[in-house]
Protein backbone atom coordinates (compact mmCIF):
# COMPACT_ATOMS: atom_id res chain seq x y z
CA MET A 1 4.61 20.10 -23.51
CA ASP A 2 7.69 21.70 -24.90
CA ASN A 3 7.73 20.38 -28.45
CA LYS A 4 11.75 20.80 -28.05
CA LYS A 5 11.81 17.74 -25.42
CA ASN A 6 11.48 14.45 -27.20
CA ILE A 7 8.58 12.00 -26.69
CA LEU A 8 10.70 8.74 -25.32
CA LEU A 9 7.18 6.86 -24.78
CA LYS A 10 3.99 7.06 -27.02
CA ILE A 11 1.19 3.85 -26.61
CA GLU A 12 -1.82 3.68 -28.51
CA GLY A 13 -5.21 2.50 -28.57
CA ILE A 14 -4.01 0.00 -25.58
CA THR A 15 -6.96 -2.75 -25.38
CA LYS A 16 -6.82 -4.83 -22.57
CA THR A 17 -9.27 -7.52 -21.51
CA PHE A 18 -9.58 -10.19 -18.63
CA GLY A 19 -12.93 -12.61 -20.04
CA LYS A 20 -15.62 -10.11 -19.93
CA VAL A 21 -13.62 -7.28 -18.28
CA VAL A 22 -12.29 -4.37 -20.07
CA ALA A 23 -9.48 -3.40 -18.25
CA ASN A 24 -7.71 -0.76 -20.66
CA ASP A 25 -9.97 0.83 -22.92
CA ASP A 26 -8.31 2.17 -26.07
CA ILE A 27 -5.81 4.20 -24.28
CA SER A 28 -3.25 6.84 -25.52
CA LEU A 29 -0.71 8.78 -23.68
CA GLU A 30 3.10 9.89 -24.31
CA LEU A 31 5.72 10.27 -21.80
CA TYR A 32 9.02 13.16 -22.56
CA GLU A 33 12.30 13.57 -21.73
CA GLY A 34 12.49 15.17 -18.26
CA GLU A 35 9.13 15.52 -16.78
CA VAL A 36 7.28 13.67 -14.28
CA LEU A 37 4.31 12.21 -15.36
CA ALA A 38 1.45 11.44 -12.69
CA LEU A 39 -1.15 8.77 -13.61
CA LEU A 40 -3.82 8.89 -11.29
CA GLY A 41 -7.26 6.87 -11.24
CA GLU A 42 -9.64 5.33 -8.75
CA ASN A 43 -8.70 1.70 -7.57
CA GLY A 44 -9.79 -0.96 -10.33
CA ALA A 45 -9.63 1.79 -13.15
CA GLY A 46 -6.88 0.24 -15.03
CA LYS A 47 -3.65 1.99 -13.33
CA SER A 48 -1.85 -1.52 -12.65
CA THR A 49 -2.56 -3.64 -16.01
CA LEU A 50 -1.43 -0.25 -18.06
CA MET A 51 1.35 -0.14 -16.35
CA ASN A 52 1.93 -4.28 -16.35
CA ILE A 53 1.83 -3.79 -20.23
CA ILE A 54 4.42 -1.11 -20.40
CA TYR A 55 6.81 -3.39 -18.45
CA GLY A 56 6.36 -6.33 -20.61
CA ILE A 57 4.44 -8.54 -18.18
CA TYR A 58 0.86 -8.68 -20.13
CA ARG A 59 0.56 -8.16 -23.71
CA PRO A 60 -1.93 -5.99 -24.74
CA ASP A 61 -4.94 -7.04 -27.02
CA LYS A 62 -5.00 -3.90 -29.52
CA GLY A 63 -2.98 -0.75 -29.58
CA ARG A 64 0.71 -0.05 -30.29
CA ILE A 65 3.93 0.93 -28.11
CA GLU A 66 6.69 3.36 -29.18
CA ILE A 67 10.04 4.30 -27.96
CA ARG A 68 11.75 7.18 -29.07
CA GLY A 69 9.24 6.84 -32.26
CA LYS A 70 10.36 2.97 -33.17
CA GLU A 71 7.16 0.91 -32.84
CA THR A 72 8.10 -1.81 -30.21
CA LYS A 73 6.23 -4.86 -29.23
CA ILE A 74 7.58 -5.31 -25.46
CA ALA A 75 7.56 -8.92 -25.11
CA SER A 76 8.12 -9.87 -21.20
CA PRO A 77 10.19 -7.29 -17.97
CA ARG A 78 13.85 -7.88 -19.21
CA TYR A 79 13.03 -7.04 -22.74
CA ALA A 80 11.28 -3.90 -21.38
CA LEU A 81 14.67 -3.08 -19.45
CA ASN A 82 16.66 -3.74 -22.76
CA LYS A 83 14.65 -1.35 -23.94
CA GLY A 84 15.25 1.69 -21.05
CA ILE A 85 11.97 0.54 -19.18
CA GLY A 86 12.37 -0.07 -15.51
CA MET A 87 9.52 -0.28 -13.01
CA VAL A 88 9.70 -0.28 -9.21
CA HIS A 89 6.84 -2.32 -8.11
CA GLN A 90 4.95 -2.00 -5.04
CA HIS A 91 6.65 -5.19 -3.34
CA PHE A 92 10.30 -4.73 -4.16
CA MET A 93 11.98 -7.36 -6.47
CA LEU A 94 14.68 -7.61 -4.14
CA VAL A 95 16.71 -11.01 -2.93
CA GLY A 96 16.69 -9.75 1.05
CA ARG A 97 20.17 -11.54 2.03
CA CYS A 98 21.80 -9.96 -0.90
CA ASN A 99 23.16 -6.62 -0.96
CA ALA A 100 22.37 -3.79 -4.08
CA ILE A 101 25.57 -5.20 -5.52
CA GLU A 102 24.71 -8.60 -5.13
CA ASN A 103 21.26 -8.27 -6.59
CA ILE A 104 22.24 -5.90 -9.62
CA CYS A 105 24.80 -9.38 -10.10
CA LEU A 106 21.76 -11.52 -10.44
CA ILE A 107 19.88 -9.42 -13.50
CA SER A 108 23.07 -8.55 -15.24
CA LYS A 109 24.21 -10.36 -18.16
CA THR A 110 28.01 -11.03 -16.00
CA SER A 111 28.75 -14.14 -13.59
CA PRO A 112 27.15 -12.76 -10.08
CA PHE A 113 30.13 -15.15 -8.88
CA SER A 114 32.83 -12.82 -10.04
CA LEU A 115 35.54 -10.60 -7.86
CA VAL A 116 35.92 -8.48 -10.58
CA ASN A 117 32.69 -8.41 -11.90
CA LYS A 118 31.38 -7.41 -8.15
CA LYS A 119 34.01 -4.44 -7.95
CA LYS A 120 32.89 -3.15 -11.60
CA ILE A 121 29.41 -3.03 -10.57
CA ALA A 122 30.34 -1.53 -6.85
CA ALA A 123 31.94 1.68 -8.72
CA SER A 124 29.12 1.94 -11.14
CA LEU A 125 27.00 1.92 -8.04
CA GLU A 126 28.90 4.56 -6.30
CA GLU A 127 29.03 6.64 -9.36
CA ILE A 128 25.20 6.89 -9.84
CA LYS A 129 24.61 7.72 -6.32
CA ALA A 130 26.60 10.51 -6.22
CA ARG A 131 25.17 11.64 -9.90
CA TYR A 132 21.89 11.23 -8.73
CA GLY A 133 22.16 11.89 -4.96
CA ILE A 134 21.08 8.51 -3.44
CA ASP A 135 22.40 7.99 -0.38
CA VAL A 136 22.30 4.45 0.47
CA ASP A 137 24.87 1.42 2.08
CA ILE A 138 25.46 -0.76 -1.09
CA HIS A 139 27.00 -3.43 1.05
CA CYS A 140 23.95 -3.67 3.55
CA PRO A 141 21.76 -7.03 3.55
CA VAL A 142 18.73 -5.75 1.65
CA GLU A 143 16.74 -7.19 4.52
CA GLN A 144 18.60 -5.19 7.11
CA LEU A 145 17.64 -1.78 5.39
CA SER A 146 14.47 0.34 6.01
CA ILE A 147 11.98 0.05 3.32
CA SER A 148 12.68 3.58 1.83
CA MET A 149 16.55 2.21 2.11
CA GLN A 150 15.22 -0.95 -0.07
CA GLN A 151 13.69 1.66 -2.90
CA LYS A 152 16.69 2.98 -3.37
CA VAL A 153 18.31 -0.15 -4.23
CA GLU A 154 15.80 -0.40 -6.12
CA ILE A 155 16.22 2.76 -8.06
CA LEU A 156 19.64 2.47 -8.41
CA LYS A 157 19.43 -0.97 -9.72
CA LEU A 158 17.12 0.43 -12.91
CA LEU A 159 19.80 3.05 -13.00
CA TYR A 160 22.30 0.87 -13.55
CA THR A 161 20.63 -1.11 -15.84
CA GLY A 162 20.33 2.46 -18.15
CA ALA A 163 16.76 2.97 -17.70
CA ASP A 164 15.34 5.97 -19.21
CA ILE A 165 11.84 5.58 -18.55
CA LEU A 166 11.20 4.75 -14.77
CA ILE A 167 8.07 3.53 -13.36
CA LEU A 168 7.14 4.17 -9.96
CA ASP A 169 4.11 2.52 -8.36
CA GLU A 170 2.67 4.22 -5.56
CA PRO A 171 6.31 4.55 -4.07
CA THR A 172 5.75 7.16 -1.20
CA ALA A 173 3.58 4.61 0.23
CA VAL A 174 5.35 3.52 2.93
CA LEU A 175 7.53 6.50 3.69
CA LEU A 176 7.99 9.11 6.05
CA PRO A 177 7.11 12.88 4.81
CA GLN A 178 11.53 13.93 5.09
CA GLU A 179 11.70 10.26 2.91
CA CYS A 180 9.61 11.66 0.77
CA GLU A 181 11.43 14.77 0.30
CA ALA A 182 14.31 12.41 -0.85
CA LEU A 183 12.89 10.29 -2.75
CA PHE A 184 11.56 13.58 -4.71
CA SER A 185 14.66 15.04 -4.73
CA ILE A 186 16.28 12.05 -6.73
CA ILE A 187 13.38 12.15 -9.19
CA ARG A 188 14.43 15.19 -10.36
CA ASN A 189 17.51 14.75 -10.60
CA MET A 190 16.57 12.30 -12.71
CA THR A 191 14.61 14.33 -14.90
CA LYS A 192 16.95 16.61 -15.09
CA GLU A 193 19.06 14.15 -16.97
CA GLY A 194 16.09 13.70 -19.57
CA LYS A 195 14.81 10.28 -18.02
CA GLY A 196 11.26 10.20 -17.87
CA VAL A 197 9.28 9.07 -14.71
CA ILE A 198 5.58 7.64 -14.91
CA PHE A 199 4.68 8.78 -11.13
CA ILE A 200 1.55 6.36 -9.63
CA SER A 201 0.17 7.97 -6.83
CA HIS A 202 -3.46 8.12 -4.60
CA LYS A 203 -1.75 11.41 -2.64
CA LEU A 204 -3.12 14.36 -4.31
CA ASP A 205 -0.56 16.88 -2.53
CA GLU A 206 2.42 15.06 -3.94
CA ILE A 207 1.25 14.64 -6.96
CA ILE A 208 0.91 17.97 -7.10
CA GLU A 209 4.44 19.17 -6.12
CA ILE A 210 6.32 16.32 -8.10
CA SER A 211 4.04 16.19 -11.35
CA ASP A 212 4.25 18.10 -14.76
CA ARG A 213 2.08 16.65 -16.05
CA VAL A 214 -1.11 14.29 -14.75
CA ASP A 215 -3.38 11.65 -17.02
CA VAL A 216 -6.20 10.70 -15.66
CA LEU A 217 -7.80 7.40 -15.79
CA ALA A 218 -11.50 6.04 -15.38
CA HIS A 219 -13.04 3.02 -16.14
CA GLY A 220 -10.68 1.63 -18.19
CA LYS A 221 -10.62 4.57 -19.96
CA MET A 222 -8.78 7.72 -19.95
CA CYS A 223 -10.54 10.55 -19.24
CA GLY A 224 -8.76 13.88 -18.88
CA HIS A 225 -5.56 15.14 -19.14
CA LEU A 226 -3.54 18.49 -16.77
CA ILE A 227 -0.63 20.69 -16.74
CA THR A 228 0.27 20.67 -13.03
CA LYS A 229 0.29 23.93 -12.53
CA ASP A 230 -3.34 24.41 -13.64
CA ALA A 231 -4.41 21.75 -11.58
CA ASP A 232 -6.07 21.13 -7.73
CA LYS A 233 -7.41 18.61 -6.07
CA ASN A 234 -11.08 19.32 -6.65
CA ILE A 235 -10.30 19.61 -10.51
CA ILE A 236 -8.25 15.91 -10.60
CA VAL A 237 -11.18 13.66 -7.97
CA LYS A 238 -13.40 15.30 -10.02
CA MET A 239 -12.16 13.91 -13.36
CA MET A 240 -11.19 10.84 -11.51
CA SER A 241 -15.08 10.02 -10.19
CA GLY A 242 -17.28 12.89 -11.09
CA ASP A 243 -17.21 14.06 -7.39
CA ASN A 244 -15.24 16.77 -5.21
CA VAL A 245 -12.95 15.68 -2.97
CA PRO A 246 -13.96 14.30 -0.20
CA ASP A 247 -14.09 15.75 3.39
CA MET A 248 -13.83 14.74 6.79
CA SER A 249 -13.56 17.65 8.24
CA GLY A 250 -17.24 17.81 9.64
CA TYR A 251 -15.84 14.86 11.92
CA VAL A 252 -16.75 15.13 15.43
CA LYS A 253 -14.98 12.86 18.01
CA GLU A 254 -17.18 11.06 20.72
CA LYS A 255 -15.84 10.52 23.80
CA PRO A 256 -15.40 7.13 24.73
CA GLY A 257 -16.53 4.46 26.94
CA ALA A 258 -14.93 4.73 30.33
CA GLU A 259 -14.03 0.69 30.79
CA VAL A 260 -10.97 -0.96 30.07
CA LEU A 261 -12.32 -3.53 26.78
CA PHE A 262 -8.70 -4.85 25.21
CA GLU A 263 -5.83 -4.87 27.17
CA CYS A 264 -2.44 -6.17 26.34
CA LYS A 265 0.49 -6.62 29.50
CA GLY A 266 4.17 -6.86 28.92
CA ILE A 267 3.95 -8.46 24.99
CA GLU A 268 7.18 -9.71 23.68
CA ALA A 269 7.57 -11.40 20.15
CA TYR A 270 9.78 -12.50 17.40
CA ASP A 271 9.97 -11.29 13.59
CA ASP A 272 10.17 -14.64 11.42
CA ARG A 273 14.00 -14.27 11.33
CA LYS A 274 13.62 -14.77 14.77
CA ALA A 275 15.06 -11.36 15.85
CA LYS A 276 13.02 -9.72 18.94
CA THR A 277 10.47 -7.12 17.43
CA LEU A 278 8.00 -6.49 20.58
CA ASP A 279 10.00 -5.57 24.11
CA GLY A 280 7.14 -5.58 26.76
CA VAL A 281 4.02 -3.53 24.82
CA ASP A 282 1.28 -2.69 27.39
CA LEU A 283 -1.92 -1.47 26.10
CA SER A 284 -5.09 -0.33 27.29
CA ILE A 285 -7.91 0.27 24.62
CA TYR A 286 -11.31 1.33 26.10
CA LYS A 287 -14.93 0.49 24.58
CA GLY A 288 -15.61 2.84 21.02
CA GLU A 289 -12.26 4.15 21.01
CA ILE A 290 -10.07 4.69 18.08
CA VAL A 291 -6.77 4.25 18.67
CA GLY A 292 -3.83 4.43 16.58
CA ILE A 293 -0.19 3.46 16.19
CA ALA A 294 2.31 4.84 14.62
CA GLY A 295 6.01 3.77 14.06
CA VAL A 296 8.58 3.94 11.43
CA GLU A 297 7.92 0.68 8.92
CA GLY A 298 9.49 -2.29 10.74
CA ASN A 299 9.45 -0.59 14.59
CA GLY A 300 6.80 -3.67 15.24
CA GLN A 301 3.91 -2.58 14.09
CA ASN A 302 3.39 -5.89 11.70
CA GLU A 303 4.39 -7.59 14.45
CA LEU A 304 1.52 -6.20 17.18
CA ALA A 305 -1.72 -6.30 14.65
CA GLU A 306 -0.51 -9.98 14.02
CA VAL A 307 -0.14 -10.41 17.89
CA LEU A 308 -3.45 -8.40 18.85
CA ALA A 309 -5.29 -10.50 16.30
CA GLY A 310 -4.30 -13.79 17.74
CA VAL A 311 -1.59 -14.92 14.56
CA ARG A 312 1.54 -14.41 15.77
CA LYS A 313 2.88 -16.36 18.71
CA VAL A 314 3.89 -14.38 21.65
CA THR A 315 6.73 -15.64 23.99
CA ALA A 316 5.49 -13.46 26.53
CA GLY A 317 2.77 -11.42 28.12
CA SER A 318 -0.66 -11.36 28.24
CA ILE A 319 -3.94 -10.80 26.42
CA SER A 320 -7.76 -9.99 27.38
CA ILE A 321 -10.88 -9.02 26.17
CA ASN A 322 -13.82 -7.99 28.75
CA GLY A 323 -11.36 -9.29 31.66
CA GLN A 324 -11.10 -12.81 29.92
CA THR A 325 -7.59 -13.97 29.29
CA LEU A 326 -7.53 -14.78 25.55
CA ARG A 327 -4.90 -17.79 24.43
CA PRO A 328 -2.46 -16.34 22.37
CA ASN A 329 -1.69 -17.59 18.71
CA ARG A 330 -4.76 -19.13 19.08
CA PRO A 331 -7.38 -17.34 16.48
CA ALA A 332 -9.88 -19.32 16.62
CA ASP A 333 -10.64 -17.65 20.55
CA PHE A 334 -9.78 -14.50 19.10
CA ILE A 335 -12.46 -14.67 16.89
CA LYS A 336 -15.06 -16.18 19.62
CA HIS A 337 -14.43 -13.45 21.83
CA GLY A 338 -15.30 -10.30 18.51
CA VAL A 339 -11.78 -9.48 17.70
CA GLY A 340 -12.16 -8.41 14.00
CA TYR A 341 -8.84 -8.24 11.38
CA ILE A 342 -7.50 -6.28 8.62
CA PRO A 343 -4.66 -6.92 7.64
CA ALA A 344 -1.99 -5.49 6.05
CA GLU A 345 -1.72 -7.96 3.05
CA ARG A 346 -5.19 -8.38 1.56
CA ASN A 347 -4.41 -11.16 -1.25
CA GLY A 348 -3.02 -13.97 0.60
CA VAL A 349 -3.27 -12.64 4.64
CA GLY A 350 -6.86 -11.24 4.28
CA THR A 351 -8.31 -13.26 1.39
CA VAL A 352 -7.45 -16.38 -0.63
CA PRO A 353 -6.85 -15.63 -3.94
CA ASP A 354 -8.31 -18.36 -5.63
CA PHE A 355 -11.09 -18.44 -3.57
CA MET A 356 -14.31 -16.87 -5.12
CA LEU A 357 -15.53 -14.30 -2.93
CA TYR A 358 -18.20 -16.02 -1.53
CA GLU A 359 -16.02 -18.35 0.01
CA ASN A 360 -14.20 -15.54 1.37
CA TRP A 361 -17.27 -14.72 3.01
CA LEU A 362 -16.73 -17.62 4.94
CA LEU A 363 -12.84 -16.89 6.42
CA ARG A 364 -12.39 -15.66 10.42
CA LYS A 365 -15.65 -17.23 11.08
CA ASP A 366 -16.53 -18.69 14.40
CA ARG A 367 -20.51 -20.10 12.78
CA PHE A 368 -21.11 -20.32 9.67
CA PRO A 369 -25.00 -20.41 7.86
CA SER A 370 -25.70 -23.92 8.00
CA LYS A 371 -28.53 -26.36 6.99
CA ASN A 372 -29.51 -29.81 7.72
CA GLY A 373 -25.55 -29.77 9.21
CA MET A 374 -24.02 -28.13 6.31
CA ILE A 375 -23.30 -24.42 5.16
CA ASP A 376 -26.17 -22.81 3.64
CA THR A 377 -24.66 -22.24 0.05
CA LYS A 378 -27.10 -19.42 -0.95
CA GLN A 379 -27.41 -18.02 2.15
CA VAL A 380 -23.48 -17.65 2.09
CA VAL A 381 -23.98 -16.30 -1.01
CA ALA A 382 -27.06 -14.13 0.02
CA GLN A 383 -24.90 -12.20 2.75
CA SER A 384 -21.61 -11.89 0.37
CA VAL A 385 -23.72 -10.32 -2.28
CA SER A 386 -25.88 -7.86 -0.40
CA ALA A 387 -22.16 -6.72 1.34
CA ILE A 388 -20.61 -6.25 -1.86
CA SER A 389 -24.31 -4.17 -2.79
CA GLU A 390 -23.42 -1.95 0.75
CA TYR A 391 -19.74 -1.77 0.64
CA ASP A 392 -19.77 -0.50 -3.36
CA VAL A 393 -17.34 -3.53 -4.05
CA ARG A 394 -16.87 -3.51 -7.94
CA THR A 395 -17.03 -7.29 -9.12
CA THR A 396 -18.82 -9.11 -11.23
CA GLY A 397 -20.01 -10.50 -8.41
CA PRO A 398 -20.02 -13.51 -5.37
CA LEU A 399 -18.32 -15.76 -7.94
CA GLU A 400 -15.66 -13.32 -8.67
CA ARG A 401 -11.26 -14.61 -7.77
CA SER A 402 -10.75 -12.80 -5.21
CA ALA A 403 -7.50 -11.94 -7.12
CA ASN A 404 -9.19 -10.19 -9.91
CA LEU A 405 -10.50 -7.53 -7.72
CA SER A 406 -8.08 -4.84 -7.29
CA GLY A 407 -6.84 -3.12 -4.11
CA GLY A 408 -9.69 -0.92 -3.05
CA ASN A 409 -12.88 -3.07 -3.93
CA LEU A 410 -10.69 -5.53 -2.03
CA GLN A 411 -10.46 -3.72 1.03
CA LYS A 412 -13.56 -2.79 1.11
CA PHE A 413 -15.15 -6.26 0.88
CA ILE A 414 -12.84 -7.28 4.18
CA LEU A 415 -13.99 -4.25 5.90
CA SER A 416 -17.70 -5.67 5.05
CA ARG A 417 -16.99 -8.97 6.26
CA GLU A 418 -15.28 -8.53 9.34
CA LEU A 419 -17.35 -5.38 10.18
CA LYS A 420 -21.05 -7.10 9.52
CA LYS A 421 -19.85 -9.41 12.60
CA LYS A 422 -20.18 -6.08 14.43
CA PRO A 423 -16.84 -6.91 16.57
CA GLU A 424 -16.26 -5.70 20.23
CA VAL A 425 -12.21 -4.71 18.26
CA LEU A 426 -11.05 -4.19 15.36
CA ILE A 427 -7.66 -4.22 14.01
CA CYS A 428 -6.79 -2.08 11.23
CA SER A 429 -3.68 -2.70 9.22
CA TYR A 430 -2.76 0.21 7.04
CA PRO A 431 -6.22 -0.11 6.18
CA THR A 432 -5.90 3.05 3.02
CA ARG A 433 -2.92 2.32 1.71
CA GLY A 434 -2.59 2.30 -1.46
CA LEU A 435 -5.74 3.37 -1.85
CA ASP A 436 -7.95 6.14 -3.81
CA VAL A 437 -8.63 9.45 -2.09
CA LYS A 438 -13.50 8.40 -2.31
CA ALA A 439 -12.21 4.16 -0.96
CA ALA A 440 -9.99 5.79 2.02
CA CYS A 441 -11.95 8.44 2.40
CA PHE A 442 -15.34 5.57 2.45
CA VAL A 443 -13.20 3.00 4.87
CA ARG A 444 -12.17 5.62 7.16
CA ASN A 445 -16.01 6.30 7.37
CA GLN A 446 -16.69 2.73 8.57
CA ILE A 447 -14.12 2.63 11.17
CA THR A 448 -16.01 5.87 12.98
CA LYS A 449 -19.48 4.59 11.92
CA ALA A 450 -18.63 0.97 14.04
CA LYS A 451 -16.84 3.35 16.76
CA LYS A 452 -20.80 4.19 17.38
CA ASP A 453 -21.99 0.73 17.60
CA GLY A 454 -19.45 0.50 20.46
CA THR A 455 -16.26 -1.49 18.33
CA SER A 456 -12.81 -0.38 19.95
CA THR A 457 -10.44 -0.20 16.40
CA ILE A 458 -6.88 -0.85 17.01
CA LEU A 459 -5.48 1.66 13.42
CA PHE A 460 -2.11 1.31 12.50
CA SER A 461 -1.54 3.48 10.05
CA GLY A 462 1.19 5.43 8.07
CA ASP A 463 -0.36 8.52 7.02
CA MET A 464 -0.54 10.92 9.73
CA GLU A 465 -3.67 13.08 7.92
CA GLU A 466 -5.30 9.59 8.87
CA LEU A 467 -4.23 9.94 12.51
CA PHE A 468 -5.14 12.24 13.78
CA THR A 469 -8.19 13.00 11.95
CA ILE A 470 -10.03 9.77 13.36
CA SER A 471 -7.59 8.76 16.37
CA ASP A 472 -9.07 9.25 19.33
CA ARG A 473 -5.40 8.86 20.82
CA ILE A 474 -2.31 7.99 19.43
CA ILE A 475 0.51 5.95 20.51
CA VAL A 476 3.80 5.71 19.00
CA LEU A 477 6.20 2.53 18.88
CA ASN A 478 9.98 2.53 18.32
CA ARG A 479 12.07 -0.40 18.39
CA GLY A 480 9.40 -2.27 19.50
CA LYS A 481 8.71 -0.65 22.73
CA VAL A 482 5.55 1.80 23.34
CA ILE A 483 7.65 5.30 23.61
CA GLY A 484 5.06 7.95 24.32
CA GLU A 485 0.86 8.50 23.47
CA ARG A 486 -0.23 12.03 22.18
CA ILE A 487 -3.84 13.35 22.16
CA PRO A 488 -4.34 14.29 18.25
CA GLU A 489 -5.19 17.47 19.23
CA GLU A 490 -3.05 18.62 21.84
CA THR A 491 -0.06 17.85 19.56
CA THR A 492 1.57 18.53 15.88
CA GLN A 493 2.26 15.85 13.38
CA GLU A 494 5.86 17.10 13.51
CA GLU A 495 5.98 15.32 17.24
CA ILE A 496 4.63 12.25 16.51
CA ILE A 497 7.69 11.80 13.83
CA LEU A 498 10.38 12.58 16.46
CA MET A 499 8.41 10.39 18.59
CA MET A 500 8.69 7.81 15.88
CA MET A 501 12.27 8.66 15.16
CA GLY A 502 13.85 7.58 19.04
CA GLU A 503 12.78 11.04 20.14
CA LYS A 504 10.92 9.98 23.71
CA ALA A 505 8.01 11.88 25.12
C-alpha cells in the first residue's frame, strides 16, 4: 500500500476462542485511508468473529487494536461508533416504522422528540446524500423502502455519526446488479473522502471490481494478502481452501418428467403487515424439474415459499401434490405428503438456535426413530452424525448448538435433513445466500443430484448465475403476480432483470 497513506485501523495478534473452538488465531491486518479492503474466507473461517471484535460486540482474548495509531480497547458498539467505526450488518439495525431521520434520532445524543433536532438532522442528511451520491427518501418509513434503500439508510446513519471506518458485511447479498453498481459508486465516493471500507463478500467478481487489497482467512488464521490488481478468482479460492474455483459448466440438464407433480392455483396471501402480497399465483411443477423463481426483493417470494411449504395461511386458492389437495397452513400435511423446506432464515426458522444438532435433526419429520414407544435418541444421534460426515458439516459433533455453526455449515446440515427424507418436492428459499464459493457449489450439486432421484425443486434465488445454471425454467414474480416465464437457454439475464422490474413477457 502507498506509504503516504495513513493507517486508519491496525489490529495485531487478535485471538478469540469459544470453548475449545479457536475462532480467531493470532490475526493481524491494516486498513488505510481511502481504500477498500476485501476480507474473504470460507464460511466458518472467522470473518464475522473478527468484525464483531472490531465493532465491540466481542472482546478478544489476546491482541491489540489501534485507531489512527492509538491503542484502543473497544468495549461496545457505541464506543466503536464514537471512535469512528461503523458496521452495516447483513440484517439491518433499523426501526421499520421510523424514517431515516427518526432512526438517526434514536442513536444521537440529542432528544428524538425535538422538531428542531429533526430539522437539523434532515439538513445534515441532505448534505451527506449530495456529497456521497446517496439517493434515498429520508422521510419515508423504512419498512416501505426496498432492501437496497434500507441499506442506503444504514450507510447514511453511519456517515452521519462521522464514521471513517466502515464495515460492510455481505452488502450485495440481496441486491440486483444495477443496485450493486449504485452501492459501488457510493463506496468509491466514500474512499475519495479518505474513508476506509472493509468489504466482506463471497462474490469474487465484485471483490475484484471494488477492492484495492484482499486479505484471506482460513480456519481462523490469516493465510494470505493480495493486491487486487494482481489477483484472479483461482488465486483467491486456492488461498481460501487449497482448491480451484468450483466448476458447474459440465452440468447437463436432463429433461423433467411429463406429468405435473406439484401445483398451485389462484393463490392469494398476505404478509405479516396485513398487506396483500400474493395475488392469484398459478404454478405447475413437473416431476424431476428445477424451477427458479426470480423477483426483486419484496415482491412476494418469501410469502410464496412459506405458502408452498405450508407455513403461511392462504386466503384463496389451492395447492396439490400428485393430484391430492393439501390443506393450506397445515405444515404436518405438507410434510406427510413429501414437501421438504429450506427456509431463507436458517437460525430461528430452519433450526432452533438453542437445540443441539441431533435435536434439530427431528424437525419437519412425520415420524421419529422409536424404541419401546419412545424416541430412540441413539438412532437420532447416529443419523445426524452420518449426515454431518456425508455433507461435510464443520462442527464439534451432534451435541453442538445450531446457533454456533457458521451460515454455510448450518445450511449444509438443513439440506442434509431435508434431502435424507427423499422429498417429492423441495422448496428452497435463497439456499446459497451468504455462502462461500465452495459451499454454494456443494448446495447446487445436492439439488441437481436430488433431481436425478425424482425430486422437484422450487428454487427462490437472487443469484442470476445460479438460476441460469441449474433451473429448467425461470418464473418471474412482480408485485405478487407471475408475469412470465423463460427457458434459461432461450433468454438472457438482462431480459429476466427487466421482467423483474415489471416489464411483462
